[in-house]
Amino acid sequence: MKTKTLLLAALVFLIFQSCKMENTPEEYFDITTLNTNIFFEFGSGDFKRMQQDKNGGQLMAFDDKNTFFAKSYEDHILRFKIPYLQQAIDKIKDLKPTDETAPMINASLDLFNFVKKKYQTDYIKTARLLDQKVSQEEIDKAILKIDTDNAREFNRRYKKLWDLALPYAAKHGIKVKNF
């Protein structure tokens, strides 16, 4: 009898958990907003980091099974940067929107998709220049172009997300350090 009661209680618990209608406030904040820390070096800082990683033999790529050294800058972007970003986007999309969280989710998706598009276009073009070992002057011009062409839009999207997320965090008692 006790076994049946325990099994029934476990089944009810599992059903309750699987029917959970929304994520915790911390999950919403972490997945939509805190994860923007991956953009800390967006633009020239990112390319500087990639060059340091390449020089140190640490430029990585991954597939379904393994992480390994990238063959090139382009390979790193295609098989590390973009897939990693897509995983973050998928986690955002998996959140269950509520009236309160939908604007934050949408702002986050807007920012993450903007960056993904830049990886797929501007970053790839610049990576090819690095891989072809063109002059440093040409590489610097391409990297500067990424910064100047995208800084305003990146900052606007980033600010919009944080303007939504900080009051949300405060309302739900989530402590946020200065960013």
Protein backbone atom coordinates (compact mmCIF):
# COMPACT_ATOMS: atom_id res chain seq x y z
CA MET A 1 0.00 0.00 0.00
CA LYS A 2 2.81 2.40 0.91
CA THR A 3 4.52 1.72 -2.41
CA LYS A 4 1.37 2.60 -4.34
CA THR A 5 0.97 5.82 -2.34
CA LEU A 6 4.58 6.78 -2.95
CA LEU A 7 4.28 6.04 -6.66
CA LEU A 8 1.08 8.04 -6.88
CA ALA A 9 2.69 10.97 -5.02
CA ALA A 10 5.73 10.84 -7.34
CA LEU A 11 3.47 10.75 -10.39
CA VAL A 12 1.45 13.74 -9.18
CA PHE A 13 4.69 15.63 -8.46
CA LEU A 14 6.04 14.88 -11.96
CA ILE A 15 2.81 15.95 -13.60
CA PHE A 16 2.77 19.14 -11.55
CA GLN A 17 6.37 19.94 -12.51
CA SER A 18 5.84 19.20 -16.22
CA CYS A 19 2.75 21.42 -16.29
CA LYS A 20 4.56 24.35 -14.73
CA MET A 21 3.34 27.34 -16.71
CA GLU A 22 6.24 29.70 -16.38
CA ASN A 23 9.88 29.92 -15.47
CA THR A 24 11.22 31.48 -12.30
CA PRO A 25 12.03 35.21 -12.32
CA GLU A 26 15.73 34.32 -12.02
CA GLU A 27 15.51 32.10 -15.10
CA TYR A 28 13.84 34.85 -17.11
CA PHE A 29 16.46 37.38 -16.04
CA ASP A 30 19.48 35.10 -16.43
CA ILE A 31 18.53 33.70 -19.83
CA THR A 32 17.32 36.95 -21.41
CA THR A 33 19.64 39.50 -19.86
CA LEU A 34 22.52 38.16 -17.84
CA ASN A 35 23.61 36.03 -20.80
CA THR A 36 24.38 39.24 -22.70
CA ASN A 37 27.76 39.06 -20.99
CA ILE A 38 28.84 37.03 -24.04
CA PHE A 39 28.72 40.31 -25.95
CA PHE A 40 31.18 42.06 -23.63
CA GLU A 41 33.78 42.29 -26.40
CA PHE A 42 31.42 42.68 -29.38
CA GLY A 43 33.27 44.15 -32.36
CA SER A 44 36.93 45.08 -32.15
CA GLY A 45 37.38 43.58 -28.69
CA ASP A 46 36.07 40.26 -29.99
CA PHE A 47 38.55 40.23 -32.86
CA LYS A 48 41.39 41.16 -30.54
CA ARG A 49 40.42 38.21 -28.30
CA MET A 50 40.20 35.87 -31.30
CA GLN A 51 43.67 36.93 -32.46
CA GLN A 52 45.05 36.32 -28.95
CA ASP A 53 43.34 32.93 -28.84
CA LYS A 54 44.70 32.00 -32.27
CA ASN A 55 48.22 33.05 -31.28
CA GLY A 56 47.90 30.99 -28.10
CA GLY A 57 46.55 27.95 -29.94
CA GLN A 58 43.17 28.32 -28.24
CA LEU A 59 40.83 29.26 -31.11
CA MET A 60 38.06 26.69 -30.69
CA ALA A 61 35.24 25.10 -32.65
CA PHE A 62 32.74 22.41 -31.73
CA ASP A 63 30.29 19.97 -33.23
CA ASP A 64 27.71 17.59 -31.80
CA LYS A 65 30.35 15.47 -30.08
CA ASN A 66 33.51 17.43 -29.37
CA THR A 67 35.27 20.72 -28.91
CA PHE A 68 38.48 21.08 -30.90
CA PHE A 69 40.88 23.63 -32.34
CA ALA A 70 39.42 25.70 -35.16
CA LYS A 71 41.17 25.53 -38.52
CA SER A 72 40.71 29.25 -39.13
CA TYR A 73 38.98 32.37 -37.88
CA GLU A 74 36.08 31.65 -40.20
CA ASP A 75 35.84 28.11 -38.84
CA HIS A 76 35.81 29.51 -35.28
CA ILE A 77 32.94 31.85 -36.08
CA LEU A 78 30.95 29.25 -38.01
CA ARG A 79 31.53 26.39 -35.60
CA PHE A 80 31.85 28.15 -32.25
CA LYS A 81 30.51 31.70 -32.15
CA ILE A 82 27.33 31.19 -34.18
CA PRO A 83 26.33 27.80 -32.67
CA TYR A 84 26.97 29.10 -29.15
CA LEU A 85 24.83 32.14 -29.89
CA GLN A 86 22.12 29.94 -31.43
CA GLN A 87 22.02 27.87 -28.23
CA ALA A 88 21.42 31.07 -26.26
CA ILE A 89 18.67 32.12 -28.68
CA ASP A 90 17.02 28.72 -28.37
CA LYS A 91 17.02 29.01 -24.56
CA ILE A 92 15.35 32.43 -24.85
CA LYS A 93 12.74 31.01 -27.21
CA ASP A 94 12.08 28.16 -24.76
CA LEU A 95 10.98 30.60 -22.07
CA LYS A 96 7.24 30.75 -21.56
CA PRO A 97 6.25 34.39 -22.07
CA THR A 98 3.91 36.12 -19.67
CA ASP A 99 2.46 39.60 -19.92
CA GLU A 100 5.27 40.76 -17.66
CA THR A 101 8.15 38.93 -19.36
CA ALA A 102 7.20 39.08 -23.05
CA PRO A 103 8.73 42.56 -23.64
CA MET A 104 12.00 41.42 -22.02
CA ILE A 105 12.05 38.20 -24.05
CA ASN A 106 11.37 40.10 -27.28
CA ALA A 107 14.06 42.69 -26.54
CA SER A 108 16.52 39.92 -25.78
CA LEU A 109 15.71 38.07 -29.00
CA ASP A 110 16.10 41.33 -30.91
CA LEU A 111 19.58 41.87 -29.47
CA PHE A 112 20.74 38.26 -29.86
CA ASN A 113 19.45 38.01 -33.44
CA PHE A 114 21.13 41.32 -34.31
CA VAL A 115 24.47 39.98 -33.08
CA LYS A 116 23.93 36.65 -34.85
CA LYS A 117 23.34 38.47 -38.14
CA LYS A 118 26.58 40.41 -37.64
CA TYR A 119 28.46 37.18 -36.98
CA GLN A 120 27.01 35.69 -40.16
CA THR A 121 27.93 38.69 -42.29
CA ASP A 122 30.45 41.26 -41.01
CA TYR A 123 32.37 38.87 -38.79
CA ILE A 124 32.72 36.25 -41.53
CA LYS A 125 34.02 38.86 -44.01
CA THR A 126 36.59 40.10 -41.52
CA ALA A 127 37.55 36.56 -40.50
CA ARG A 128 38.30 35.78 -44.14
CA LEU A 129 40.63 38.78 -44.29
CA LEU A 130 42.44 37.48 -41.20
CA ASP A 131 42.63 33.98 -42.69
CA GLN A 132 43.99 35.37 -45.97
CA LYS A 133 46.60 37.31 -43.98
CA VAL A 134 45.90 40.58 -45.79
CA SER A 135 47.66 43.70 -44.54
CA GLN A 136 47.09 44.73 -40.93
CA GLU A 137 45.83 48.07 -42.23
CA GLU A 138 43.06 46.37 -44.22
CA ILE A 139 42.14 44.17 -41.24
CA ASP A 140 42.05 47.18 -38.91
CA LYS A 141 39.78 49.04 -41.35
CA ALA A 142 37.36 46.09 -41.51
CA ILE A 143 37.27 45.77 -37.71
CA LEU A 144 36.77 49.52 -37.28
CA LYS A 145 33.93 49.35 -39.80
CA ILE A 146 32.19 46.69 -37.68
CA ASP A 147 32.46 48.99 -34.66
CA THR A 148 31.33 52.18 -36.39
CA ASP A 149 28.54 50.56 -38.41
CA ASN A 150 27.05 48.64 -35.49
CA ALA A 151 27.80 50.43 -32.23
CA ARG A 152 24.70 52.62 -32.24
CA GLU A 153 22.26 49.78 -33.03
CA PHE A 154 23.95 47.35 -30.67
CA ASN A 155 23.90 49.88 -27.82
CA ARG A 156 20.27 50.82 -28.51
CA ARG A 157 19.15 47.18 -28.35
CA TYR A 158 21.35 46.44 -25.33
CA LYS A 159 20.03 49.48 -23.44
CA LYS A 160 16.42 48.63 -24.30
CA LEU A 161 16.82 45.14 -22.85
CA TRP A 162 18.50 46.35 -19.67
CA ASP A 163 15.92 49.13 -19.25
CA LEU A 164 13.27 46.41 -19.14
CA ALA A 165 15.31 43.90 -17.14
CA LEU A 166 16.53 46.05 -14.26
CA PRO A 167 13.05 47.00 -12.98
CA TYR A 168 11.99 43.36 -13.45
CA ALA A 169 14.97 42.21 -11.38
CA ALA A 170 14.28 44.79 -8.67
CA LYS A 171 10.61 43.81 -8.50
CA HIS A 172 11.53 40.15 -8.03
CA GLY A 173 14.38 40.67 -5.57
CA ILE A 174 17.12 39.69 -8.01
CA LYS A 175 20.35 41.39 -7.01
CA VAL A 176 22.16 42.89 -10.00
CA LYS A 177 25.66 44.27 -9.77
CA ASN A 178 26.60 47.28 -11.85
CA PHE A 179 27.12 46.30 -15.43
